[in-house]
Amino acid sequence: MKILLLTTLIGLAPLVSAAEKDWIKLYNGQDLTGWQTTGNWLPQKDGSLLIQPRPGEKGWQRYGAYLWSKQKYKDFVLHVEYKYPPGGNSGVFFRVGDLKNPVQSGIEAQILDSTKKKGKMGPHDHGGIIRTVGASKNMSKNPGEWNQMIVTCKSQHLLVELNSEKIVDIQLDKTPMKDRPLEGYIGLQDHGEPNNLFFRNIKIKRL
């Protein structure tokens, strides 16, 4: 039995290795290679990344302080893990055409401590697509716990999974996002003080 199990595991190893090869690490766990920002994004010893707005840095319209990929992406699967403080606010941006105006030229999946939210989730609650649609259910983890978001974009199809549950499944051409670019930059939002959030395992797979 042990020999059979070992043989099976050895046989599966190349498949697992091949699957991992498709993923590109956007954050290497050490520095901001591949990114651009004026914000205070701080690599941590455990391989995570902390956004800690500097004193006086308030509000979300400081677009240069967001963490932006240097490359553009079109069709992809994006994997991000993060944890927020009580009331914490951030966002995952994608397909952003103009870094000076990401709100009007891209799409944002909301990151927000919505653990106390009751009733229907709106576009500005956790996992919602801003100005478009709310999450189908509240999958928010408690502050200080790691959340996992997976965003899949293929042409006009957008799928968002939060903590292993599908929460958004839409056709963009049937929403207010219908005229947004189908290719653009990936970004993480610096929402200003006091929003200190940790991110890790930021990776992407091109489709």
N, C-alpha and C. Protein backbone atom coordinates (compact mmCIF):
# COMPACT_ATOMS: atom_id res chain seq x y z
N MET A 1 0.84 -1.21 0.00
CA MET A 1 0.00 0.00 0.00
C MET A 1 0.87 1.26 0.00
N LYS A 2 1.94 1.23 0.82
CA LYS A 2 2.83 2.38 0.89
C LYS A 2 3.53 2.61 -0.43
N ILE A 3 3.91 1.50 -1.10
CA ILE A 3 4.59 1.62 -2.40
C ILE A 3 3.65 2.22 -3.43
N LEU A 4 2.38 1.78 -3.42
CA LEU A 4 1.38 2.29 -4.36
C LEU A 4 1.16 3.79 -4.14
N LEU A 5 1.05 4.20 -2.87
CA LEU A 5 0.85 5.61 -2.55
C LEU A 5 2.03 6.45 -3.00
N LEU A 6 3.24 5.94 -2.74
CA LEU A 6 4.46 6.66 -3.14
C LEU A 6 4.53 6.81 -4.65
N THR A 7 4.18 5.73 -5.36
CA THR A 7 4.19 5.77 -6.83
C THR A 7 3.19 6.79 -7.35
N THR A 8 2.02 6.85 -6.72
CA THR A 8 0.98 7.81 -7.12
C THR A 8 1.45 9.24 -6.91
N LEU A 9 2.07 9.49 -5.75
CA LEU A 9 2.55 10.84 -5.45
C LEU A 9 3.65 11.26 -6.41
N ILE A 10 4.54 10.34 -6.74
CA ILE A 10 5.61 10.64 -7.69
C ILE A 10 5.04 10.97 -9.06
N GLY A 11 3.98 10.23 -9.43
CA GLY A 11 3.34 10.47 -10.73
C GLY A 11 2.64 11.81 -10.79
N LEU A 12 2.10 12.27 -9.65
CA LEU A 12 1.39 13.55 -9.62
C LEU A 12 2.34 14.74 -9.56
N ALA A 13 3.55 14.54 -9.09
CA ALA A 13 4.50 15.64 -8.90
C ALA A 13 4.70 16.48 -10.15
N PRO A 14 4.92 15.88 -11.34
CA PRO A 14 5.10 16.70 -12.54
C PRO A 14 3.87 17.55 -12.86
N LEU A 15 2.67 17.02 -12.57
CA LEU A 15 1.44 17.76 -12.85
C LEU A 15 1.34 18.99 -11.95
N VAL A 16 1.65 18.80 -10.67
CA VAL A 16 1.62 19.92 -9.72
C VAL A 16 2.65 20.96 -10.12
N SER A 17 3.85 20.49 -10.47
CA SER A 17 4.93 21.39 -10.87
C SER A 17 4.55 22.19 -12.11
N ALA A 18 3.91 21.52 -13.08
CA ALA A 18 3.50 22.20 -14.32
C ALA A 18 2.44 23.24 -14.03
N ALA A 19 1.52 22.92 -13.11
CA ALA A 19 0.46 23.87 -12.77
C ALA A 19 1.04 25.11 -12.10
N GLU A 20 2.02 24.92 -11.21
CA GLU A 20 2.64 26.05 -10.53
C GLU A 20 3.44 26.92 -11.48
N LYS A 21 3.98 26.30 -12.53
CA LYS A 21 4.78 27.06 -13.50
C LYS A 21 3.97 28.12 -14.21
N ASP A 22 2.65 27.91 -14.32
CA ASP A 22 1.79 28.87 -15.01
C ASP A 22 1.62 30.17 -14.23
N TRP A 23 1.90 30.12 -12.94
CA TRP A 23 1.71 31.30 -12.09
C TRP A 23 2.95 32.18 -12.11
N ILE A 24 2.72 33.48 -12.15
CA ILE A 24 3.78 34.48 -12.08
C ILE A 24 3.64 35.21 -10.75
N LYS A 25 4.69 35.22 -9.94
CA LYS A 25 4.64 35.96 -8.68
C LYS A 25 4.76 37.45 -8.96
N LEU A 26 3.72 38.19 -8.64
CA LEU A 26 3.78 39.64 -8.81
C LEU A 26 4.55 40.29 -7.66
N TYR A 27 4.47 39.68 -6.49
CA TYR A 27 5.26 40.16 -5.35
C TYR A 27 6.19 39.04 -4.92
N ASN A 28 7.49 39.33 -4.91
CA ASN A 28 8.48 38.29 -4.63
C ASN A 28 8.73 38.04 -3.15
N GLY A 29 8.04 38.77 -2.28
CA GLY A 29 8.19 38.56 -0.85
C GLY A 29 9.36 39.28 -0.23
N GLN A 30 10.10 40.05 -1.05
CA GLN A 30 11.31 40.71 -0.53
C GLN A 30 11.38 42.20 -0.82
N ASP A 31 10.99 42.58 -2.04
CA ASP A 31 11.08 43.99 -2.42
C ASP A 31 10.01 44.30 -3.46
N LEU A 32 10.00 45.52 -3.97
CA LEU A 32 8.94 45.95 -4.89
C LEU A 32 9.34 45.87 -6.35
N THR A 33 10.22 44.94 -6.67
CA THR A 33 10.58 44.70 -8.07
C THR A 33 9.33 44.39 -8.88
N GLY A 34 9.17 45.07 -10.01
CA GLY A 34 8.00 44.85 -10.85
C GLY A 34 6.82 45.76 -10.54
N TRP A 35 6.98 46.60 -9.52
CA TRP A 35 5.91 47.50 -9.10
C TRP A 35 6.37 48.96 -9.17
N GLN A 36 5.42 49.86 -9.13
CA GLN A 36 5.71 51.29 -9.05
C GLN A 36 4.74 51.94 -8.06
N THR A 37 5.26 52.84 -7.22
CA THR A 37 4.42 53.50 -6.22
C THR A 37 5.20 54.63 -5.55
N THR A 38 4.46 55.60 -5.03
CA THR A 38 5.05 56.62 -4.15
C THR A 38 4.61 56.37 -2.72
N GLY A 39 3.81 55.33 -2.51
CA GLY A 39 3.26 55.03 -1.19
C GLY A 39 4.25 54.29 -0.30
N ASN A 40 3.86 54.13 0.95
CA ASN A 40 4.72 53.51 1.97
C ASN A 40 4.40 52.02 2.08
N TRP A 41 4.77 51.27 1.06
CA TRP A 41 4.55 49.82 1.01
C TRP A 41 5.81 49.14 1.54
N LEU A 42 5.66 48.38 2.63
CA LEU A 42 6.81 47.88 3.38
C LEU A 42 6.87 46.35 3.37
N PRO A 43 7.87 45.76 2.70
CA PRO A 43 8.07 44.31 2.75
C PRO A 43 8.34 43.87 4.19
N GLN A 44 7.73 42.74 4.60
CA GLN A 44 7.88 42.23 5.95
C GLN A 44 8.75 40.97 5.97
N LYS A 45 9.30 40.67 7.13
CA LYS A 45 10.19 39.52 7.26
C LYS A 45 9.50 38.19 6.94
N ASP A 46 8.18 38.12 7.15
CA ASP A 46 7.46 36.88 6.89
C ASP A 46 7.05 36.73 5.43
N GLY A 47 7.48 37.67 4.57
CA GLY A 47 7.16 37.58 3.15
C GLY A 47 5.90 38.31 2.75
N SER A 48 5.21 38.90 3.72
CA SER A 48 4.02 39.68 3.40
C SER A 48 4.41 41.12 3.07
N LEU A 49 3.43 41.92 2.71
CA LEU A 49 3.65 43.32 2.34
C LEU A 49 2.66 44.19 3.09
N LEU A 50 3.16 45.19 3.79
CA LEU A 50 2.32 46.08 4.59
C LEU A 50 2.18 47.43 3.91
N ILE A 51 0.93 47.89 3.76
CA ILE A 51 0.72 49.29 3.38
C ILE A 51 0.45 50.05 4.68
N GLN A 52 1.32 51.00 4.96
CA GLN A 52 1.23 51.80 6.19
C GLN A 52 1.33 53.27 5.79
N PRO A 53 0.19 53.90 5.50
CA PRO A 53 0.22 55.30 5.08
C PRO A 53 1.03 56.16 6.05
N ARG A 54 1.82 57.06 5.50
CA ARG A 54 2.62 57.95 6.32
C ARG A 54 1.72 58.93 7.07
N PRO A 55 2.22 59.50 8.19
CA PRO A 55 1.43 60.49 8.93
C PRO A 55 0.94 61.60 8.01
N GLY A 56 -0.35 61.86 8.07
CA GLY A 56 -0.94 62.91 7.25
C GLY A 56 -1.44 62.45 5.90
N GLU A 57 -1.11 61.20 5.50
CA GLU A 57 -1.58 60.69 4.21
C GLU A 57 -2.99 60.12 4.39
N LYS A 58 -3.97 60.92 4.04
CA LYS A 58 -5.37 60.54 4.22
C LYS A 58 -6.10 60.54 2.88
N GLY A 59 -7.20 59.79 2.83
CA GLY A 59 -8.02 59.76 1.63
C GLY A 59 -7.51 58.79 0.57
N TRP A 60 -8.38 58.51 -0.39
CA TRP A 60 -8.08 57.47 -1.38
C TRP A 60 -7.72 58.03 -2.75
N GLN A 61 -7.71 59.34 -2.93
CA GLN A 61 -7.46 59.91 -4.25
C GLN A 61 -5.98 60.24 -4.48
N ARG A 62 -5.10 59.59 -3.78
CA ARG A 62 -3.66 59.73 -3.99
C ARG A 62 -3.20 58.55 -4.86
N TYR A 63 -3.58 58.58 -6.11
CA TYR A 63 -3.43 57.41 -6.98
C TYR A 63 -1.99 56.95 -7.14
N GLY A 64 -1.05 57.88 -7.07
CA GLY A 64 0.36 57.50 -7.19
C GLY A 64 0.84 56.65 -6.03
N ALA A 65 0.13 56.73 -4.89
CA ALA A 65 0.50 55.96 -3.70
C ALA A 65 -0.01 54.52 -3.77
N TYR A 66 -0.89 54.24 -4.72
CA TYR A 66 -1.33 52.86 -4.91
C TYR A 66 -0.13 52.04 -5.39
N LEU A 67 -0.20 50.74 -5.24
CA LEU A 67 0.85 49.86 -5.73
C LEU A 67 0.45 49.35 -7.11
N TRP A 68 1.20 49.75 -8.14
CA TRP A 68 0.83 49.43 -9.52
C TRP A 68 1.84 48.49 -10.17
N SER A 69 1.33 47.51 -10.89
CA SER A 69 2.22 46.65 -11.68
C SER A 69 2.83 47.47 -12.81
N LYS A 70 4.04 47.12 -13.20
CA LYS A 70 4.67 47.80 -14.32
C LYS A 70 4.19 47.25 -15.66
N GLN A 71 3.64 46.04 -15.63
CA GLN A 71 3.12 45.42 -16.84
C GLN A 71 1.60 45.49 -16.89
N LYS A 72 1.08 45.42 -18.09
CA LYS A 72 -0.37 45.35 -18.30
C LYS A 72 -0.78 43.88 -18.48
N TYR A 73 -2.03 43.60 -18.12
CA TYR A 73 -2.56 42.25 -18.24
C TYR A 73 -3.96 42.32 -18.84
N LYS A 74 -4.28 41.32 -19.66
CA LYS A 74 -5.56 41.29 -20.36
C LYS A 74 -6.48 40.22 -19.78
N ASP A 75 -6.29 38.98 -20.19
CA ASP A 75 -7.07 37.86 -19.65
C ASP A 75 -6.19 37.12 -18.64
N PHE A 76 -6.73 36.87 -17.44
CA PHE A 76 -5.87 36.35 -16.37
C PHE A 76 -6.68 35.80 -15.21
N VAL A 77 -5.97 35.10 -14.33
CA VAL A 77 -6.47 34.75 -13.00
C VAL A 77 -5.51 35.42 -12.02
N LEU A 78 -6.05 36.26 -11.15
CA LEU A 78 -5.25 36.99 -10.16
C LEU A 78 -5.57 36.46 -8.76
N HIS A 79 -4.54 36.11 -8.02
CA HIS A 79 -4.68 35.57 -6.67
C HIS A 79 -4.04 36.54 -5.68
N VAL A 80 -4.81 36.96 -4.66
CA VAL A 80 -4.31 37.89 -3.64
C VAL A 80 -4.83 37.45 -2.27
N GLU A 81 -3.96 37.47 -1.28
CA GLU A 81 -4.37 37.25 0.10
C GLU A 81 -4.08 38.51 0.90
N TYR A 82 -4.95 38.81 1.87
CA TYR A 82 -4.80 40.05 2.63
C TYR A 82 -5.53 39.95 3.96
N LYS A 83 -5.12 40.79 4.89
CA LYS A 83 -5.87 40.93 6.14
C LYS A 83 -5.94 42.41 6.50
N TYR A 84 -7.08 42.79 7.03
CA TYR A 84 -7.35 44.20 7.33
C TYR A 84 -7.54 44.38 8.84
N PRO A 85 -7.34 45.61 9.33
CA PRO A 85 -7.65 45.93 10.72
C PRO A 85 -9.16 46.18 10.84
N PRO A 86 -9.69 46.36 12.03
CA PRO A 86 -11.11 46.70 12.16
C PRO A 86 -11.44 47.94 11.34
N GLY A 87 -12.44 47.82 10.47
CA GLY A 87 -12.84 48.93 9.61
C GLY A 87 -11.93 49.17 8.43
N GLY A 88 -10.95 48.30 8.21
CA GLY A 88 -9.95 48.49 7.15
C GLY A 88 -10.55 48.55 5.76
N ASN A 89 -9.92 49.36 4.90
CA ASN A 89 -10.44 49.62 3.55
C ASN A 89 -9.28 49.62 2.55
N SER A 90 -9.46 48.93 1.44
CA SER A 90 -8.50 48.94 0.34
C SER A 90 -9.25 48.46 -0.90
N GLY A 91 -8.52 48.01 -1.90
CA GLY A 91 -9.17 47.52 -3.10
C GLY A 91 -8.16 46.88 -4.04
N VAL A 92 -8.66 45.97 -4.86
CA VAL A 92 -7.85 45.34 -5.91
C VAL A 92 -8.30 45.92 -7.24
N PHE A 93 -7.40 46.62 -7.91
CA PHE A 93 -7.69 47.21 -9.22
C PHE A 93 -7.13 46.32 -10.32
N PHE A 94 -7.81 46.31 -11.46
CA PHE A 94 -7.31 45.55 -12.59
C PHE A 94 -7.83 46.16 -13.89
N ARG A 95 -7.10 45.85 -14.96
CA ARG A 95 -7.40 46.41 -16.29
C ARG A 95 -7.49 47.94 -16.25
N VAL A 96 -6.57 48.55 -15.53
CA VAL A 96 -6.53 50.01 -15.43
C VAL A 96 -5.76 50.58 -16.62
N GLY A 97 -6.41 51.44 -17.39
CA GLY A 97 -5.78 52.00 -18.58
C GLY A 97 -4.96 53.24 -18.31
N ASP A 98 -5.37 54.04 -17.31
CA ASP A 98 -4.71 55.32 -17.02
C ASP A 98 -4.43 55.40 -15.52
N LEU A 99 -3.17 55.33 -15.14
CA LEU A 99 -2.81 55.33 -13.72
C LEU A 99 -3.12 56.64 -13.03
N LYS A 100 -3.32 57.70 -13.80
CA LYS A 100 -3.67 58.99 -13.21
C LYS A 100 -5.16 59.08 -12.91
N ASN A 101 -5.93 58.15 -13.45
CA ASN A 101 -7.38 58.15 -13.24
C ASN A 101 -7.92 56.72 -13.23
N PRO A 102 -7.47 55.90 -12.28
CA PRO A 102 -7.86 54.49 -12.26
C PRO A 102 -9.34 54.25 -12.01
N VAL A 103 -9.97 55.16 -11.29
CA VAL A 103 -11.40 54.98 -10.98
C VAL A 103 -12.25 55.02 -12.24
N GLN A 104 -11.85 55.84 -13.20
CA GLN A 104 -12.62 55.98 -14.44
C GLN A 104 -12.09 55.10 -15.57
N SER A 105 -10.89 54.53 -15.39
CA SER A 105 -10.30 53.77 -16.50
C SER A 105 -10.01 52.31 -16.15
N GLY A 106 -10.52 51.85 -15.01
CA GLY A 106 -10.29 50.47 -14.61
C GLY A 106 -11.43 49.92 -13.79
N ILE A 107 -11.20 48.78 -13.17
CA ILE A 107 -12.22 48.09 -12.37
C ILE A 107 -11.63 47.82 -10.99
N GLU A 108 -12.46 47.98 -9.96
CA GLU A 108 -12.01 47.74 -8.59
C GLU A 108 -12.90 46.73 -7.88
N ALA A 109 -12.26 45.71 -7.30
CA ALA A 109 -12.93 44.79 -6.39
C ALA A 109 -12.65 45.29 -4.97
N GLN A 110 -13.69 45.54 -4.23
CA GLN A 110 -13.57 46.18 -2.92
C GLN A 110 -12.97 45.26 -1.87
N ILE A 111 -12.06 45.81 -1.09
CA ILE A 111 -11.57 45.19 0.14
C ILE A 111 -12.07 46.07 1.29
N LEU A 112 -12.83 45.48 2.20
CA LEU A 112 -13.42 46.25 3.29
C LEU A 112 -13.82 45.32 4.42
N ASP A 113 -13.57 45.73 5.63
CA ASP A 113 -14.06 44.97 6.78
C ASP A 113 -15.58 45.09 6.83
N SER A 114 -16.25 44.07 6.28
CA SER A 114 -17.72 44.06 6.23
C SER A 114 -18.29 43.01 7.18
N THR A 115 -17.54 42.64 8.20
CA THR A 115 -17.98 41.56 9.09
C THR A 115 -19.27 41.90 9.83
N LYS A 116 -19.54 43.17 10.03
CA LYS A 116 -20.76 43.55 10.75
C LYS A 116 -21.91 43.91 9.81
N LYS A 117 -21.68 43.75 8.51
CA LYS A 117 -22.71 44.08 7.52
C LYS A 117 -23.87 43.10 7.62
N LYS A 118 -25.07 43.63 7.66
CA LYS A 118 -26.29 42.82 7.69
C LYS A 118 -27.06 43.04 6.39
N GLY A 119 -27.70 42.01 5.91
CA GLY A 119 -28.52 42.14 4.72
C GLY A 119 -27.72 42.06 3.43
N LYS A 120 -28.32 42.57 2.37
CA LYS A 120 -27.74 42.48 1.03
C LYS A 120 -26.43 43.27 0.94
N MET A 121 -25.47 42.65 0.27
CA MET A 121 -24.17 43.29 0.06
C MET A 121 -24.24 44.23 -1.14
N GLY A 122 -23.70 45.44 -0.99
CA GLY A 122 -23.70 46.42 -2.07
C GLY A 122 -22.36 46.48 -2.79
N PRO A 123 -22.26 47.25 -3.86
CA PRO A 123 -21.02 47.37 -4.63
C PRO A 123 -19.83 47.89 -3.83
N HIS A 124 -20.10 48.60 -2.72
CA HIS A 124 -19.00 49.15 -1.92
C HIS A 124 -18.71 48.30 -0.69
N ASP A 125 -19.35 47.14 -0.57
CA ASP A 125 -19.05 46.20 0.51
C ASP A 125 -17.99 45.21 0.03
N HIS A 126 -17.46 44.44 0.95
CA HIS A 126 -16.35 43.54 0.66
C HIS A 126 -16.67 42.58 -0.50
N GLY A 127 -15.78 42.58 -1.48
CA GLY A 127 -15.93 41.69 -2.63
C GLY A 127 -16.75 42.25 -3.76
N GLY A 128 -17.41 43.38 -3.53
CA GLY A 128 -18.22 43.99 -4.58
C GLY A 128 -17.36 44.65 -5.64
N ILE A 129 -17.93 44.83 -6.82
CA ILE A 129 -17.28 45.58 -7.89
C ILE A 129 -17.82 47.00 -7.83
N ILE A 130 -16.94 47.94 -7.50
CA ILE A 130 -17.36 49.32 -7.27
C ILE A 130 -18.16 49.86 -8.46
N ARG A 131 -19.28 50.52 -8.12
CA ARG A 131 -20.19 51.12 -9.09
C ARG A 131 -20.87 50.10 -10.01
N THR A 132 -20.83 48.83 -9.63
CA THR A 132 -21.34 47.81 -10.54
C THR A 132 -22.27 46.81 -9.86
N VAL A 133 -21.74 45.99 -8.96
CA VAL A 133 -22.54 44.93 -8.36
C VAL A 133 -21.94 44.53 -7.01
N GLY A 134 -22.81 44.14 -6.09
CA GLY A 134 -22.35 43.67 -4.79
C GLY A 134 -22.08 42.18 -4.80
N ALA A 135 -21.36 41.71 -3.80
CA ALA A 135 -21.11 40.28 -3.65
C ALA A 135 -22.42 39.55 -3.37
N SER A 136 -22.53 38.33 -3.85
CA SER A 136 -23.76 37.55 -3.65
C SER A 136 -23.93 37.11 -2.20
N LYS A 137 -22.84 37.08 -1.45
CA LYS A 137 -22.90 36.72 -0.04
C LYS A 137 -21.73 37.36 0.70
N ASN A 138 -21.85 37.47 2.00
CA ASN A 138 -20.80 38.08 2.82
C ASN A 138 -19.82 36.99 3.27
N MET A 139 -18.64 36.99 2.65
CA MET A 139 -17.63 35.99 2.98
C MET A 139 -16.46 36.59 3.75
N SER A 140 -16.68 37.74 4.37
CA SER A 140 -15.60 38.45 5.06
C SER A 140 -15.07 37.67 6.26
N LYS A 141 -13.76 37.58 6.36
CA LYS A 141 -13.12 37.04 7.56
C LYS A 141 -13.02 38.15 8.60
N ASN A 142 -12.83 37.77 9.84
CA ASN A 142 -12.68 38.75 10.91
C ASN A 142 -11.39 39.55 10.74
N PRO A 143 -11.35 40.79 11.23
CA PRO A 143 -10.11 41.56 11.17
C PRO A 143 -8.94 40.76 11.76
N GLY A 144 -7.79 40.84 11.09
CA GLY A 144 -6.62 40.10 11.54
C GLY A 144 -6.49 38.71 10.96
N GLU A 145 -7.53 38.23 10.26
CA GLU A 145 -7.48 36.92 9.61
C GLU A 145 -7.23 37.10 8.11
N TRP A 146 -6.57 36.13 7.50
CA TRP A 146 -6.25 36.22 6.08
C TRP A 146 -7.46 35.91 5.21
N ASN A 147 -7.74 36.78 4.25
CA ASN A 147 -8.74 36.56 3.21
C ASN A 147 -8.02 36.16 1.93
N GLN A 148 -8.70 35.41 1.10
CA GLN A 148 -8.17 35.04 -0.21
C GLN A 148 -9.15 35.48 -1.30
N MET A 149 -8.67 36.32 -2.22
CA MET A 149 -9.50 36.75 -3.35
C MET A 149 -8.88 36.26 -4.65
N ILE A 150 -9.71 35.69 -5.50
CA ILE A 150 -9.28 35.25 -6.83
C ILE A 150 -10.16 35.95 -7.86
N VAL A 151 -9.53 36.71 -8.73
CA VAL A 151 -10.24 37.45 -9.78
C VAL A 151 -9.88 36.84 -11.13
N THR A 152 -10.90 36.43 -11.87
CA THR A 152 -10.68 35.86 -13.20
C THR A 152 -11.32 36.75 -14.25
N CYS A 153 -10.53 37.21 -15.20
CA CYS A 153 -11.01 38.03 -16.31
C CYS A 153 -10.71 37.31 -17.62
N LYS A 154 -11.73 37.10 -18.41
CA LYS A 154 -11.55 36.53 -19.74
C LYS A 154 -12.50 37.24 -20.68
N SER A 155 -11.95 38.12 -21.51
CA SER A 155 -12.76 38.98 -22.38
C SER A 155 -13.73 39.78 -21.51
N GLN A 156 -15.05 39.63 -21.73
CA GLN A 156 -16.04 40.38 -20.97
C GLN A 156 -16.51 39.67 -19.69
N HIS A 157 -16.01 38.48 -19.47
CA HIS A 157 -16.46 37.70 -18.31
C HIS A 157 -15.59 38.00 -17.08
N LEU A 158 -16.23 38.36 -15.98
CA LEU A 158 -15.54 38.63 -14.72
C LEU A 158 -16.10 37.72 -13.63
N LEU A 159 -15.19 37.00 -12.99
CA LEU A 159 -15.55 36.10 -11.89
C LEU A 159 -14.69 36.45 -10.68
N VAL A 160 -15.33 36.62 -9.52
CA VAL A 160 -14.59 36.90 -8.29
C VAL A 160 -14.96 35.84 -7.26
N GLU A 161 -13.93 35.23 -6.68
CA GLU A 161 -14.11 34.26 -5.60
C GLU A 161 -13.47 34.83 -4.34
N LEU A 162 -14.18 34.74 -3.23
CA LEU A 162 -13.67 35.23 -1.96
C LEU A 162 -13.76 34.12 -0.92
N ASN A 163 -12.61 33.75 -0.38
CA ASN A 163 -12.56 32.69 0.63
C ASN A 163 -13.29 31.43 0.17
N SER A 164 -12.96 31.03 -1.07
CA SER A 164 -13.43 29.78 -1.68
C SER A 164 -14.89 29.78 -2.09
N GLU A 165 -15.53 30.94 -2.12
CA GLU A 165 -16.92 31.03 -2.57
C GLU A 165 -17.02 32.01 -3.74
N LYS A 166 -17.76 31.63 -4.77
CA LYS A 166 -18.01 32.52 -5.90
C LYS A 166 -18.99 33.60 -5.46
N ILE A 167 -18.58 34.88 -5.58
CA ILE A 167 -19.43 35.97 -5.10
C ILE A 167 -19.84 36.95 -6.21
N VAL A 168 -19.10 36.95 -7.32
CA VAL A 168 -19.43 37.81 -8.47
C VAL A 168 -19.20 37.00 -9.74
N ASP A 169 -20.19 37.01 -10.62
CA ASP A 169 -20.08 36.30 -11.90
C ASP A 169 -20.90 37.10 -12.91
N ILE A 170 -20.24 37.97 -13.68
CA ILE A 170 -20.96 38.90 -14.56
C ILE A 170 -20.30 39.01 -15.93
N GLN A 171 -21.07 39.53 -16.87
CA GLN A 171 -20.56 39.93 -18.18
C GLN A 171 -20.41 41.45 -18.15
N LEU A 172 -19.19 41.92 -18.28
CA LEU A 172 -18.91 43.34 -18.14
C LEU A 172 -19.63 44.20 -19.16
N ASP A 173 -19.85 43.66 -20.36
CA ASP A 173 -20.51 44.46 -21.41
C ASP A 173 -21.99 44.69 -21.13
N LYS A 174 -22.49 44.12 -20.03
CA LYS A 174 -23.87 44.34 -19.63
C LYS A 174 -23.95 45.14 -18.33
N THR A 175 -22.86 45.83 -18.01
CA THR A 175 -22.76 46.60 -16.77
C THR A 175 -22.24 48.00 -17.06
N PRO A 176 -22.20 48.88 -16.04
CA PRO A 176 -21.62 50.21 -16.23
C PRO A 176 -20.13 50.18 -16.61
N MET A 177 -19.49 49.01 -16.51
CA MET A 177 -18.07 48.87 -16.86
C MET A 177 -17.86 48.49 -18.33
N LYS A 178 -18.92 48.53 -19.13
CA LYS A 178 -18.86 48.02 -20.50
C LYS A 178 -17.84 48.74 -21.38
N ASP A 179 -17.53 49.98 -21.09
CA ASP A 179 -16.58 50.74 -21.92
C ASP A 179 -15.18 50.79 -21.33
N ARG A 180 -14.93 50.05 -20.27
CA ARG A 180 -13.60 50.05 -19.66
C ARG A 180 -12.63 49.21 -20.51
N PRO A 181 -11.33 49.52 -20.43
CA PRO A 181 -10.35 48.75 -21.21
C PRO A 181 -10.38 47.26 -20.85
N LEU A 182 -10.05 46.43 -21.82
CA LEU A 182 -9.96 44.99 -21.59
C LEU A 182 -8.53 44.58 -21.25
N GLU A 183 -7.65 45.55 -21.16
CA GLU A 183 -6.26 45.29 -20.78
C GLU A 183 -5.75 46.47 -19.96
N GLY A 184 -4.96 46.20 -18.94
CA GLY A 184 -4.44 47.30 -18.14
C GLY A 184 -3.61 46.83 -16.97
N TYR A 185 -3.31 47.77 -16.08
CA TYR A 185 -2.44 47.51 -14.94
C TYR A 185 -3.21 46.88 -13.78
N ILE A 186 -2.48 46.14 -12.94
CA ILE A 186 -2.99 45.60 -11.68
C ILE A 186 -2.57 46.55 -10.56
N GLY A 187 -3.46 46.78 -9.59
CA GLY A 187 -3.10 47.69 -8.51
C GLY A 187 -3.74 47.31 -7.18
N LEU A 188 -3.08 47.72 -6.10
CA LEU A 188 -3.62 47.60 -4.75
C LEU A 188 -3.74 49.00 -4.17
N GLN A 189 -4.83 49.26 -3.51
CA GLN A 189 -5.16 50.62 -3.08
C GLN A 189 -4.55 50.99 -1.72
N ASP A 190 -3.96 52.17 -1.68
CA ASP A 190 -3.60 52.83 -0.42
C ASP A 190 -4.75 53.78 -0.11
N HIS A 191 -5.58 53.43 0.87
CA HIS A 191 -6.77 54.21 1.18
C HIS A 191 -6.49 55.32 2.20
N GLY A 192 -5.24 55.45 2.61
CA GLY A 192 -4.89 56.50 3.57
C GLY A 192 -5.07 56.06 5.01
N GLU A 193 -4.56 56.88 5.92
CA GLU A 193 -4.70 56.58 7.35
C GLU A 193 -6.17 56.37 7.71
N PRO A 194 -6.46 55.44 8.64
CA PRO A 194 -5.58 54.55 9.39
C PRO A 194 -5.57 53.14 8.81
N ASN A 195 -5.63 53.02 7.49
CA ASN A 195 -5.81 51.71 6.85
C ASN A 195 -4.48 50.99 6.62
N ASN A 196 -4.01 50.30 7.66
CA ASN A 196 -2.81 49.46 7.55
C ASN A 196 -3.25 48.04 7.22
N LEU A 197 -2.92 47.57 6.03
CA LEU A 197 -3.31 46.23 5.60
C LEU A 197 -2.08 45.44 5.18
N PHE A 198 -2.17 44.12 5.36
CA PHE A 198 -1.11 43.21 4.93
C PHE A 198 -1.57 42.43 3.70
N PHE A 199 -0.65 42.22 2.77
CA PHE A 199 -0.91 41.43 1.58
C PHE A 199 0.15 40.34 1.45
N ARG A 200 -0.20 39.24 0.79
CA ARG A 200 0.77 38.19 0.52
C ARG A 200 0.26 37.33 -0.65
N ASN A 201 1.15 36.45 -1.14
CA ASN A 201 0.80 35.51 -2.22
C ASN A 201 0.07 36.22 -3.37
N ILE A 202 0.68 37.29 -3.84
CA ILE A 202 0.12 38.04 -4.97
C ILE A 202 0.70 37.43 -6.24
N LYS A 203 -0.13 36.76 -7.00
CA LYS A 203 0.36 36.08 -8.20
C LYS A 203 -0.70 36.11 -9.28
N ILE A 204 -0.26 35.88 -10.52
CA ILE A 204 -1.17 35.98 -11.66
C ILE A 204 -0.87 34.88 -12.67
N LYS A 205 -1.90 34.45 -13.35
CA LYS A 205 -1.78 33.45 -14.41
C LYS A 205 -2.45 34.01 -15.65
N ARG A 206 -1.70 34.14 -16.71
CA ARG A 206 -2.27 34.64 -17.97
C ARG A 206 -3.13 33.56 -18.61
N LEU A 207 -4.24 33.98 -19.20
CA LEU A 207 -5.13 33.04 -19.89
C LEU A 207 -5.03 33.24 -21.40
